[in-house]
């Protein structure tokens, strides 16, 4: 197993998923200690000068005007964690929490937060020992950072609250005791350094982006099987057409679709069966490609945010301490809303291809792909399920980032709702994975009537993957297990990996 190092500057969303989902080991780059120690020394020097610094010797939010006495500075930081751990709702999945811990460690590793090196060491130890604090998913406004989620995370560092270690629920102090991790006693600035940031929305965003990238490639492959099943016209994917409108995603998608269809005996020539195909077939590069371009934009935002200092105030090498607004999640909020819209379109066009596969007037195949329709309903109701999911996505794609609500006695009078946007994005990605699985199931069934041996060599490999988990439908049966099994192929990236192997 490789080690992924935090240094505050080079982490990627793929690295985040490597740690969060695949349990890659985490290390701290050697240069981090000096940066962090210098920042901490600046804070301690400021304290000896009795300067007023927000969140160090003042209250928080609207209470910034309240000066805190020197003998209560540590208590202030612990109280901050305790009072702000006020989220609600179901807990985040462990992979999201692991991502949050990693991202918080990486942000502190920039050496601009004024905390001790021990905080980063303890965060990394939580990840490497698979200690996941219970973090409720609701309660963040996405400005002043993800305060409530990060406070729940920070509780575990103090030996408070509940955690899952290796999937087993227990008290945080018990998990720390078992692993030999010492609970932290927070020093001035450190509570604020743990909870001021965008790490909940960015963790969700990194995982949603990774999964969306797999879906984009999967959607191209699934569409190819539908094109073959419907005897589509591959001329629509010729390079000259897409060079005439050179959007990068469109050209990449067209090139991939052309390659996947090479050698197919099912596709037709222009004018052989029809002059041109319906949009859901003909416009795959234009629609799927536009989604690819959005994901490229989102990846730039997420990778930037992963390696950013989103604390407040920030402590700079020259000793200056500046209060500002790097905790505001607007860039991530916009990106997550955009991701939701772009991925939802993969589902919308997929549902239209499902309709074409099942409608005998459009497909010239048996109704609902049942060999003996009437007595058998075939794939009629899986289409209903897909339609339900794409309709739900239309609700989920209402932007969260256009909303705001003032809090903290109007001191914090504009917020991003970035974590809400990221939670919705992850839900959209999950729904589209199942829509694509249903299309894939229907396309493979349609191919049974055309002849699987006529498939292109590359799409035949994808067909074979599906047939390993779901057999052709001869008479009506309970299709939920088929949908779930094919969905697992999609979600785990096995279809996408088959496409990558074809490159």
Protein backbone atom coordinates (compact mmCIF):
# COMPACT_ATOMS: atom_id res chain seq x y z
CA UNK A 1 0.00 0.00 0.00
CA UNK A 2 1.36 3.42 -0.96
CA UNK A 3 1.55 6.42 1.35
CA UNK A 4 -0.16 9.71 0.56
CA UNK A 5 1.57 12.69 2.15
CA UNK A 6 -0.07 15.87 3.40
CA UNK A 7 1.94 19.01 2.75
CA UNK A 8 -0.78 21.60 2.15
CA UNK A 9 -0.12 21.91 -1.55
CA UNK A 10 -0.21 18.79 -3.74
CA UNK A 11 -3.17 16.65 -2.66
CA UNK A 12 -5.69 15.74 -5.40
CA UNK A 13 -9.26 14.54 -5.30
CA UNK A 14 -8.01 11.12 -6.42
CA UNK A 15 -5.69 11.07 -3.39
CA UNK A 16 -8.63 11.92 -1.15
CA UNK A 17 -10.63 8.98 -2.47
CA UNK A 18 -7.56 6.75 -2.15
CA UNK A 19 -7.49 7.46 1.58
CA UNK A 20 -11.23 7.78 2.19
CA UNK A 21 -12.43 4.74 0.23
CA UNK A 22 -9.39 2.55 -0.29
CA UNK A 23 -7.62 3.14 3.05
CA UNK A 24 -4.31 4.36 1.65
CA UNK A 25 -1.83 5.17 4.42
CA UNK A 26 -1.27 8.85 5.25
CA UNK A 27 2.06 10.48 6.11
CA UNK A 28 3.17 14.05 6.85
CA UNK A 29 5.75 15.61 4.55
CA UNK A 30 9.02 16.49 6.29
CA UNK A 31 8.81 20.20 5.46
CA UNK A 32 5.49 20.62 7.28
CA UNK A 33 6.87 20.76 10.83
CA UNK A 34 8.98 23.87 10.27
CA UNK A 35 6.10 25.77 8.65
CA UNK A 36 3.66 24.80 11.38
CA UNK A 37 6.12 25.51 14.21
CA UNK A 38 6.84 29.02 12.87
CA UNK A 39 3.13 29.76 12.66
CA UNK A 40 2.57 28.52 16.20
CA UNK A 41 5.45 30.59 17.52
CA UNK A 42 3.88 33.67 15.95
CA UNK A 43 0.66 33.04 17.88
CA UNK A 44 2.50 32.58 21.16
CA UNK A 45 4.51 35.74 20.56
CA UNK A 46 1.33 37.70 19.92
CA UNK A 47 -0.16 36.43 23.19
CA UNK A 48 2.80 37.75 25.16
CA UNK A 49 2.16 41.17 23.58
CA UNK A 50 -1.47 41.12 24.74
CA UNK A 51 -2.72 41.97 21.25
CA UNK A 52 -6.40 41.39 20.50
CA UNK A 53 -6.81 38.57 17.98
CA UNK A 54 -10.19 37.25 16.86
CA UNK A 55 -10.96 33.80 18.23
CA UNK A 56 -7.75 33.69 20.24
CA UNK A 57 -8.61 36.12 23.04
CA UNK A 58 -12.09 37.17 21.88
CA UNK A 59 -15.41 35.43 21.56
CA UNK A 60 -16.74 34.18 18.23
CA UNK A 61 -19.12 35.56 15.60
CA UNK A 62 -21.20 38.38 17.07
CA UNK A 63 -19.30 37.84 20.35
CA UNK A 64 -16.03 38.98 18.77
CA UNK A 65 -16.36 42.17 20.82
CA UNK A 66 -16.05 40.21 24.08
CA UNK A 67 -12.46 40.09 25.38
CA UNK A 68 -11.41 36.82 27.06
CA UNK A 69 -9.02 36.84 30.01
CA UNK A 70 -5.66 35.08 29.63
CA UNK A 71 -6.53 32.38 32.18
CA UNK A 72 -9.58 31.33 30.13
CA UNK A 73 -8.04 31.09 26.66
CA UNK A 74 -7.74 27.30 26.63
CA UNK A 75 -11.24 26.89 28.07
CA UNK A 76 -12.49 29.15 25.26
CA UNK A 77 -11.20 26.73 22.64
CA UNK A 78 -12.71 23.65 24.29
CA UNK A 79 -16.03 25.46 24.76
CA UNK A 80 -15.97 26.33 21.05
CA UNK A 81 -15.81 22.65 20.10
CA UNK A 82 -18.46 21.62 22.62
CA UNK A 83 -20.94 24.38 21.72
CA UNK A 84 -20.53 24.03 17.96
CA UNK A 85 -21.01 20.25 17.91
CA UNK A 86 -24.72 20.83 17.35
CA UNK A 87 -25.44 19.13 14.05
CA UNK A 88 -28.33 16.82 13.36
CA UNK A 89 -29.46 14.12 10.97
CA UNK A 90 -27.97 10.82 9.89
CA UNK A 91 -24.18 10.54 10.23
CA UNK A 92 -21.94 10.95 7.22
CA UNK A 93 -20.59 7.72 5.75
CA UNK A 94 -17.19 6.73 7.12
CA UNK A 95 -15.50 7.46 3.78
CA UNK A 96 -16.73 11.06 3.96
CA UNK A 97 -15.42 11.44 7.51
CA UNK A 98 -12.03 10.00 6.59
CA UNK A 99 -11.88 12.51 3.74
CA UNK A 100 -12.76 15.35 6.12
CA UNK A 101 -9.98 14.38 8.53
CA UNK A 102 -7.43 14.15 5.73
CA UNK A 103 -8.46 17.51 4.29
CA UNK A 104 -8.32 19.23 7.67
CA UNK A 105 -4.82 17.86 8.26
CA UNK A 106 -3.74 19.04 4.81
CA UNK A 107 -5.11 22.53 5.37
CA UNK A 108 -3.33 22.86 8.73
CA UNK A 109 -0.16 21.57 7.07
CA UNK A 110 0.06 24.81 5.06
CA UNK A 111 1.38 26.41 8.25
CA UNK A 112 -1.03 29.36 8.26
CA UNK A 113 -3.38 28.35 11.06
CA UNK A 114 -1.22 28.90 14.15
CA UNK A 115 -1.76 25.43 15.62
CA UNK A 116 0.74 22.95 17.03
CA UNK A 117 2.18 20.19 14.90
CA UNK A 118 0.59 17.70 17.33
CA UNK A 119 -2.86 18.49 15.92
CA UNK A 120 -1.84 17.34 12.46
CA UNK A 121 -0.18 14.23 13.89
CA UNK A 122 -3.34 13.33 15.78
CA UNK A 123 -5.59 13.87 12.77
CA UNK A 124 -3.35 11.64 10.66
CA UNK A 125 -3.35 9.01 13.41
CA UNK A 126 -7.18 8.95 13.35
CA UNK A 127 -7.14 8.21 9.62
CA UNK A 128 -4.46 5.54 9.83
CA UNK A 129 -6.23 3.78 12.70
CA UNK A 130 -9.60 4.05 10.89
CA UNK A 131 -11.18 6.06 13.70
CA UNK A 132 -14.19 7.87 12.24
CA UNK A 133 -16.03 10.34 14.48
CA UNK A 134 -19.80 10.29 14.22
CA UNK A 135 -20.56 13.47 12.26
CA UNK A 136 -24.22 14.39 11.61
CA UNK A 137 -24.75 15.37 7.99
CA UNK A 138 -26.99 18.41 8.59
CA UNK A 139 -26.16 21.71 10.24
CA UNK A 140 -23.60 23.51 8.06
CA UNK A 141 -24.30 26.82 6.33
CA UNK A 142 -21.06 26.62 4.39
CA UNK A 143 -19.62 29.89 5.68
CA UNK A 144 -17.52 30.45 8.76
CA UNK A 145 -16.64 27.03 7.45
CA UNK A 146 -18.39 23.75 8.08
CA UNK A 147 -18.58 24.63 11.76
CA UNK A 148 -20.97 21.99 13.10
CA UNK A 149 -19.59 19.01 11.13
CA UNK A 150 -15.98 19.90 11.91
CA UNK A 151 -16.80 20.42 15.60
CA UNK A 152 -18.24 16.90 15.76
CA UNK A 153 -15.03 15.66 14.13
CA UNK A 154 -12.88 17.61 16.59
CA UNK A 155 -14.70 16.13 19.59
CA UNK A 156 -12.91 12.84 18.97
CA UNK A 157 -9.52 14.55 19.26
CA UNK A 158 -10.53 15.55 22.79
CA UNK A 159 -11.63 12.01 23.62
CA UNK A 160 -15.29 13.00 23.55
CA UNK A 161 -18.31 11.82 21.58
CA UNK A 162 -18.75 8.62 19.61
CA UNK A 163 -16.66 7.12 16.84
CA UNK A 164 -16.57 4.06 14.61
CA UNK A 165 -13.24 2.26 14.64
CA UNK A 166 -13.01 -0.38 11.95
CA UNK A 167 -16.78 -0.03 11.61
CA UNK A 168 -17.47 -0.71 15.31
CA UNK A 169 -19.28 2.00 17.31
CA UNK A 170 -17.60 3.02 20.58
CA UNK A 171 -16.77 6.01 22.78
CA UNK A 172 -14.00 8.20 21.41
CA UNK A 173 -11.90 7.93 24.56
CA UNK A 174 -11.98 4.13 24.29
CA UNK A 175 -10.80 4.25 20.65
CA UNK A 176 -7.96 6.59 21.56
CA UNK A 177 -6.97 4.40 24.49
CA UNK A 178 -6.87 1.26 22.33
CA UNK A 179 -4.66 2.90 19.73
CA UNK A 180 -2.38 4.78 22.12
CA UNK A 181 -3.44 8.23 20.88
CA UNK A 182 -3.37 10.89 23.59
CA UNK A 183 -6.44 13.17 23.74
CA UNK A 184 -5.58 16.76 22.90
CA UNK A 185 -5.64 19.63 25.37
CA UNK A 186 -6.39 22.57 23.10
CA UNK A 187 -4.22 25.67 23.25
CA UNK A 188 -5.25 29.19 22.14
CA UNK A 189 -6.38 29.34 18.49
CA UNK A 190 -6.52 25.54 18.09
CA UNK A 191 -10.25 24.96 18.46
CA UNK A 192 -10.88 27.60 15.84
CA UNK A 193 -8.12 26.07 13.70
CA UNK A 194 -9.96 22.74 13.73
CA UNK A 195 -13.44 23.93 12.75
CA UNK A 196 -13.01 27.00 10.53
CA UNK A 197 -12.87 25.53 7.04
CA UNK A 198 -14.68 23.96 4.10
CA UNK A 199 -13.60 20.38 4.69
CA UNK A 200 -17.07 18.79 4.91
CA UNK A 201 -18.30 20.20 1.61
CA UNK A 202 -14.94 19.59 -0.04
CA UNK A 203 -14.78 15.98 1.20
CA UNK A 204 -18.25 15.34 -0.21
CA UNK A 205 -17.27 17.18 -3.38
CA UNK A 206 -14.07 15.20 -3.92
CA UNK A 207 -15.89 11.88 -3.60
CA UNK A 208 -18.84 13.01 -5.75
CA UNK A 209 -16.42 14.26 -8.41
CA UNK A 210 -14.47 11.00 -8.46
CA UNK A 211 -17.67 9.00 -8.87
CA UNK A 212 -18.99 11.41 -11.50
CA UNK A 213 -15.82 10.97 -13.55
CA UNK A 214 -16.44 7.21 -13.57
CA UNK A 215 -20.07 7.78 -14.55
CA UNK A 216 -19.10 9.99 -17.49
CA UNK A 217 -16.99 7.21 -18.99
CA UNK A 218 -19.60 4.59 -18.10
CA UNK A 219 -22.33 6.63 -19.80
CA UNK A 220 -20.35 6.67 -23.06
CA UNK A 221 -20.00 2.88 -23.00
CA UNK A 222 -23.65 2.26 -22.07
CA UNK A 223 -24.79 4.57 -24.87
CA UNK A 224 -22.73 2.53 -27.34
CA UNK A 225 -24.59 -0.65 -26.44
CA UNK A 226 -27.90 1.17 -26.90
CA UNK A 227 -26.72 2.55 -30.25
CA UNK A 228 -25.90 -0.97 -31.40
CA UNK A 229 -29.17 -2.39 -30.07
CA UNK A 230 -31.08 0.33 -31.95
CA UNK A 231 -28.95 -0.05 -35.10
CA UNK A 232 -27.68 3.50 -34.84
CA UNK A 233 -25.64 5.43 -37.40
CA UNK A 234 -21.96 5.90 -36.38
CA UNK A 235 -21.37 8.67 -38.92
CA UNK A 236 -22.56 11.11 -36.22
CA UNK A 237 -19.35 10.43 -34.30
CA UNK A 238 -16.83 11.10 -37.08
CA UNK A 239 -13.93 13.31 -36.00
CA UNK A 240 -14.44 15.93 -38.73
CA UNK A 241 -17.87 16.81 -37.33
CA UNK A 242 -16.57 17.43 -33.83
CA UNK A 243 -13.48 19.30 -34.96
CA UNK A 244 -15.95 21.72 -36.56
CA UNK A 245 -17.23 22.49 -33.05
CA UNK A 246 -14.14 21.79 -30.98
CA UNK A 247 -15.36 21.58 -27.40
CA UNK A 248 -12.85 19.33 -25.70
CA UNK A 249 -15.34 17.05 -23.96
CA UNK A 250 -17.39 16.64 -27.13
CA UNK A 251 -14.35 15.63 -29.16
CA UNK A 252 -13.12 13.20 -26.49
CA UNK A 253 -16.54 11.57 -26.19
CA UNK A 254 -16.96 11.23 -29.97
CA UNK A 255 -13.51 9.65 -30.29
CA UNK A 256 -14.28 7.14 -27.53
CA UNK A 257 -17.70 6.23 -28.93
CA UNK A 258 -16.22 5.73 -32.41
CA UNK A 259 -13.53 3.46 -31.01
CA UNK A 260 -15.96 1.42 -28.93
CA UNK A 261 -18.21 0.87 -31.96
CA UNK A 262 -15.41 -0.25 -34.29
CA UNK A 263 -16.11 -3.68 -35.72
CA UNK A 264 -19.82 -3.67 -34.85
CA UNK A 265 -22.08 -5.59 -37.21
CA UNK A 266 -25.18 -3.96 -35.71
CA UNK A 267 -24.71 -0.30 -36.57
CA UNK A 268 -26.20 0.94 -39.85
CA UNK A 269 -25.12 3.25 -42.63
CA UNK A 270 -26.75 6.64 -43.16
CA UNK A 271 -29.86 6.03 -45.27
CA UNK A 272 -29.80 2.26 -44.80
CA UNK A 273 -32.60 2.23 -42.19
CA UNK A 274 -33.09 5.95 -41.59
CA UNK A 275 -31.42 9.21 -42.57
CA UNK A 276 -30.53 10.22 -39.00
CA UNK A 277 -30.99 9.00 -35.45
CA UNK A 278 -32.93 10.58 -32.60
CA UNK A 279 -31.08 13.11 -30.46
CA UNK A 280 -30.54 10.70 -27.56
CA UNK A 281 -28.30 8.64 -29.89
CA UNK A 282 -26.97 11.20 -32.33
CA UNK A 283 -26.12 13.86 -29.74
CA UNK A 284 -24.27 11.67 -27.23
CA UNK A 285 -20.95 13.55 -27.77
CA UNK A 286 -22.61 16.95 -27.44
CA UNK A 287 -24.43 16.05 -24.19
CA UNK A 288 -21.98 13.68 -22.54
CA UNK A 289 -19.10 15.87 -23.69
CA UNK A 290 -20.59 18.96 -22.07
CA UNK A 291 -20.78 17.02 -18.80
CA UNK A 292 -17.10 16.10 -19.18
CA UNK A 293 -16.22 19.78 -19.57
CA UNK A 294 -18.13 20.69 -16.41
CA UNK A 295 -16.34 17.96 -14.48
CA UNK A 296 -13.04 19.39 -15.68
CA UNK A 297 -14.01 22.77 -14.20
CA UNK A 298 -15.17 21.16 -10.97
CA UNK A 299 -11.90 19.26 -10.62
CA UNK A 300 -9.96 22.54 -10.74
CA UNK A 301 -12.14 24.03 -8.00
CA UNK A 302 -11.97 20.97 -5.77
CA UNK A 303 -8.21 20.48 -6.16
CA UNK A 304 -7.67 24.16 -5.36
CA UNK A 305 -9.89 23.98 -2.28
CA UNK A 306 -8.23 20.78 -1.06
CA UNK A 307 -4.91 22.63 -0.87
CA UNK A 308 -6.21 25.91 0.54
CA UNK A 309 -6.05 27.53 3.96
CA UNK A 310 -9.70 28.15 4.79
CA UNK A 311 -9.13 29.09 8.41
CA UNK A 312 -9.78 32.49 10.04
CA UNK A 313 -7.77 34.37 11.09
CA UNK A 314 -4.66 33.31 9.16
CA UNK A 315 -1.20 33.62 10.67
CA UNK A 316 1.51 34.57 8.16
CA UNK A 317 5.29 34.01 8.37
CA UNK A 318 5.93 37.72 9.04
CA UNK A 319 3.80 37.48 12.18
CA UNK A 320 0.78 39.28 10.76
CA UNK A 321 -2.61 37.87 11.69
CA UNK A 322 -5.43 38.75 9.31
CA UNK A 323 -9.15 38.13 9.72
CA UNK A 324 -10.95 37.64 6.43
CA UNK A 325 -13.26 35.15 4.71
CA UNK A 326 -11.40 32.17 3.25
CA UNK A 327 -13.87 29.91 5.06
CA UNK A 328 -16.67 31.03 2.73
CA UNK A 329 -17.70 28.06 0.61
CA UNK A 330 -19.07 29.89 -2.43
CA UNK A 331 -16.57 28.43 -4.97
CA UNK A 332 -17.36 24.88 -3.86
CA UNK A 333 -21.09 25.62 -3.65
CA UNK A 334 -21.21 26.78 -7.26
CA UNK A 335 -19.10 23.82 -8.40
CA UNK A 336 -21.34 21.31 -6.62
CA UNK A 337 -24.52 22.78 -8.05
CA UNK A 338 -22.92 22.72 -11.52
CA UNK A 339 -21.82 19.11 -11.01
CA UNK A 340 -25.37 18.12 -10.05
CA UNK A 341 -26.82 19.68 -13.19
CA UNK A 342 -24.18 18.18 -15.48
CA UNK A 343 -24.43 14.66 -14.07
CA UNK A 344 -28.22 14.78 -14.02
CA UNK A 345 -28.11 15.29 -17.79
CA UNK A 346 -26.33 11.95 -18.16
CA UNK A 347 -29.37 10.45 -16.48
CA UNK A 348 -31.89 12.46 -18.48
CA UNK A 349 -30.54 11.38 -21.87
CA UNK A 350 -30.08 7.80 -20.61
CA UNK A 351 -33.76 7.63 -19.65
CA UNK A 352 -34.69 8.71 -23.19
CA UNK A 353 -32.58 5.88 -24.62
CA UNK A 354 -34.34 3.44 -22.26
CA UNK A 355 -37.66 4.61 -23.72
CA UNK A 356 -36.40 3.99 -27.25
CA UNK A 357 -35.21 0.49 -26.33
CA UNK A 358 -38.55 -0.48 -24.78
CA UNK A 359 -40.98 1.21 -27.17
CA UNK A 360 -41.64 -1.20 -30.08
CA UNK A 361 -42.68 1.67 -32.36
CA UNK A 362 -39.23 3.22 -31.96
CA UNK A 363 -37.06 0.11 -31.65
CA UNK A 364 -38.66 -2.50 -33.93
CA UNK A 365 -38.03 -4.87 -31.03
CA UNK A 366 -40.59 -6.73 -28.87
CA UNK A 367 -42.55 -4.47 -26.54
CA UNK A 368 -40.61 -3.87 -23.30
CA UNK A 369 -38.05 -6.40 -24.58
CA UNK A 370 -40.22 -9.34 -23.49
CA UNK A 371 -40.13 -12.34 -25.81
CA UNK A 372 -43.78 -13.07 -24.95
CA UNK A 373 -45.25 -9.69 -24.07
CA UNK A 374 -48.70 -9.52 -22.54
CA UNK A 375 -48.20 -12.46 -20.24
CA UNK A 376 -44.79 -10.87 -19.52
CA UNK A 377 -44.25 -7.18 -18.75
CA UNK A 378 -40.52 -7.39 -19.39
CA UNK A 379 -38.64 -4.19 -18.53
CA UNK A 380 -41.70 -1.94 -18.32
CA UNK A 381 -41.28 -1.10 -14.64
CA UNK A 382 -37.50 -0.63 -14.55
CA UNK A 383 -38.24 2.26 -16.91
CA UNK A 384 -40.61 3.65 -14.28
CA UNK A 385 -37.79 3.43 -11.76
CA UNK A 386 -35.42 5.29 -14.07
CA UNK A 387 -38.07 7.93 -14.73
CA UNK A 388 -38.58 8.35 -10.98
CA UNK A 389 -34.86 8.82 -10.40
CA UNK A 390 -34.39 11.43 -13.14
CA UNK A 391 -37.45 13.29 -11.87
CA UNK A 392 -36.03 13.28 -8.34
CA UNK A 393 -32.78 14.66 -9.74
CA UNK A 394 -34.62 17.64 -11.18
CA UNK A 395 -35.62 18.57 -7.64
CA UNK A 396 -32.13 17.91 -6.28
CA UNK A 397 -30.63 20.13 -9.01
CA UNK A 398 -32.35 23.24 -7.68
CA UNK A 399 -29.24 25.26 -6.76
CA UNK A 400 -28.41 25.49 -3.07
CA UNK A 401 -25.84 28.21 -3.79
CA UNK A 402 -28.48 30.83 -4.61
CA UNK A 403 -29.76 30.68 -1.03
CA UNK A 404 -28.45 32.51 2.02
CA UNK A 405 -29.66 33.26 5.51
CA UNK A 406 -28.12 35.61 8.12
CA UNK A 407 -26.94 34.16 11.46
CA UNK A 408 -24.95 35.16 14.55
CA UNK A 409 -26.95 38.35 15.09
CA UNK A 410 -26.35 39.26 11.41
CA UNK A 411 -22.56 39.32 11.82
CA UNK A 412 -22.47 36.36 9.45
CA UNK A 413 -25.01 37.75 7.03
CA UNK A 414 -24.22 35.83 3.83
CA UNK A 415 -23.56 32.11 3.62
CA UNK A 416 -22.90 29.66 0.76
CA UNK A 417 -24.96 26.55 1.57
CA UNK A 418 -22.04 24.69 0.01
CA UNK A 419 -22.42 21.58 2.12
CA UNK A 420 -26.08 21.29 1.15
CA UNK A 421 -25.03 21.62 -2.50
CA UNK A 422 -22.40 18.90 -2.03
CA UNK A 423 -24.80 16.53 -0.27
CA UNK A 424 -27.28 16.97 -3.13
CA UNK A 425 -24.56 16.41 -5.71
CA UNK A 426 -23.64 13.11 -4.13
CA UNK A 427 -27.29 12.04 -4.19
CA UNK A 428 -27.61 12.95 -7.89
CA UNK A 429 -24.50 10.91 -8.71
CA UNK A 430 -25.98 7.90 -6.91
CA UNK A 431 -29.29 8.23 -8.76
CA UNK A 432 -27.63 8.51 -12.17
CA UNK A 433 -25.52 5.42 -11.49
CA UNK A 434 -28.76 3.45 -11.16
CA UNK A 435 -30.33 5.00 -14.24
CA UNK A 436 -27.28 4.00 -16.28
CA UNK A 437 -27.47 0.50 -14.78
CA UNK A 438 -31.08 0.20 -15.93
CA UNK A 439 -30.16 1.37 -19.44
CA UNK A 440 -27.30 -1.12 -19.50
CA UNK A 441 -29.63 -3.92 -18.42
CA UNK A 442 -32.15 -2.99 -21.13
CA UNK A 443 -29.49 -2.56 -23.84
CA UNK A 444 -28.05 -6.00 -23.13
CA UNK A 445 -31.52 -7.53 -23.30
CA UNK A 446 -32.18 -5.75 -26.61
CA UNK A 447 -28.93 -7.18 -27.95
CA UNK A 448 -30.28 -10.68 -27.26
CA UNK A 449 -32.74 -10.13 -30.12
CA UNK A 450 -30.07 -8.74 -32.45
CA UNK A 451 -27.32 -11.26 -31.68
CA UNK A 452 -24.57 -10.61 -29.10
CA UNK A 453 -22.03 -12.09 -31.51
CA UNK A 454 -22.59 -9.04 -33.74
CA UNK A 455 -21.45 -6.56 -31.11
CA UNK A 456 -18.22 -4.64 -31.52
CA UNK A 457 -15.34 -6.41 -29.74
CA UNK A 458 -15.09 -3.70 -27.07
CA UNK A 459 -18.80 -3.44 -26.31
CA UNK A 460 -18.95 -7.23 -26.22
CA UNK A 461 -16.60 -7.12 -23.23
CA UNK A 462 -19.03 -4.84 -21.41
CA UNK A 463 -21.96 -7.07 -22.36
CA UNK A 464 -20.05 -10.06 -20.94
CA UNK A 465 -19.45 -8.21 -17.65
CA UNK A 466 -23.19 -7.67 -17.31
CA UNK A 467 -23.99 -11.28 -18.16
CA UNK A 468 -21.72 -12.44 -15.34
CA UNK A 469 -24.17 -10.90 -12.85
CA UNK A 470 -27.51 -10.84 -14.70
CA UNK A 471 -28.83 -13.44 -17.14
CA UNK A 472 -31.09 -12.63 -20.13
CA UNK A 473 -34.79 -12.26 -19.31
CA UNK A 474 -36.93 -15.06 -20.73
CA UNK A 475 -39.95 -14.86 -18.44
CA UNK A 476 -40.84 -12.20 -15.88
CA UNK A 477 -38.81 -12.36 -12.69
CA UNK A 478 -37.94 -10.13 -9.77
CA UNK A 479 -35.58 -7.59 -11.40
CA UNK A 480 -34.42 -5.75 -8.28
CA UNK A 481 -31.40 -8.08 -7.83
CA UNK A 482 -30.39 -7.51 -11.47
CA UNK A 483 -30.61 -3.74 -11.11
CA UNK A 484 -28.57 -3.81 -7.91
CA UNK A 485 -25.93 -6.15 -9.32
CA UNK A 486 -25.46 -4.06 -12.46
CA UNK A 487 -25.53 -0.87 -10.37
CA UNK A 488 -22.63 -2.28 -8.38
CA UNK A 489 -20.67 -2.76 -11.60
CA UNK A 490 -21.33 0.88 -12.42
CA UNK A 491 -20.65 2.30 -8.95
CA UNK A 492 -17.45 0.33 -8.44
CA UNK A 493 -16.18 1.59 -11.77
CA UNK A 494 -15.91 -1.81 -13.43
CA UNK A 495 -17.57 -0.61 -16.63
CA UNK A 496 -15.33 2.45 -16.67
CA UNK A 497 -12.27 0.29 -16.09
CA UNK A 498 -13.24 -1.89 -19.04
CA UNK A 499 -13.45 1.28 -21.16
CA UNK A 500 -10.05 2.50 -19.92
CA UNK A 501 -8.51 -0.87 -20.74
CA UNK A 502 -9.77 -0.43 -24.30
CA UNK A 503 -7.76 2.76 -24.81
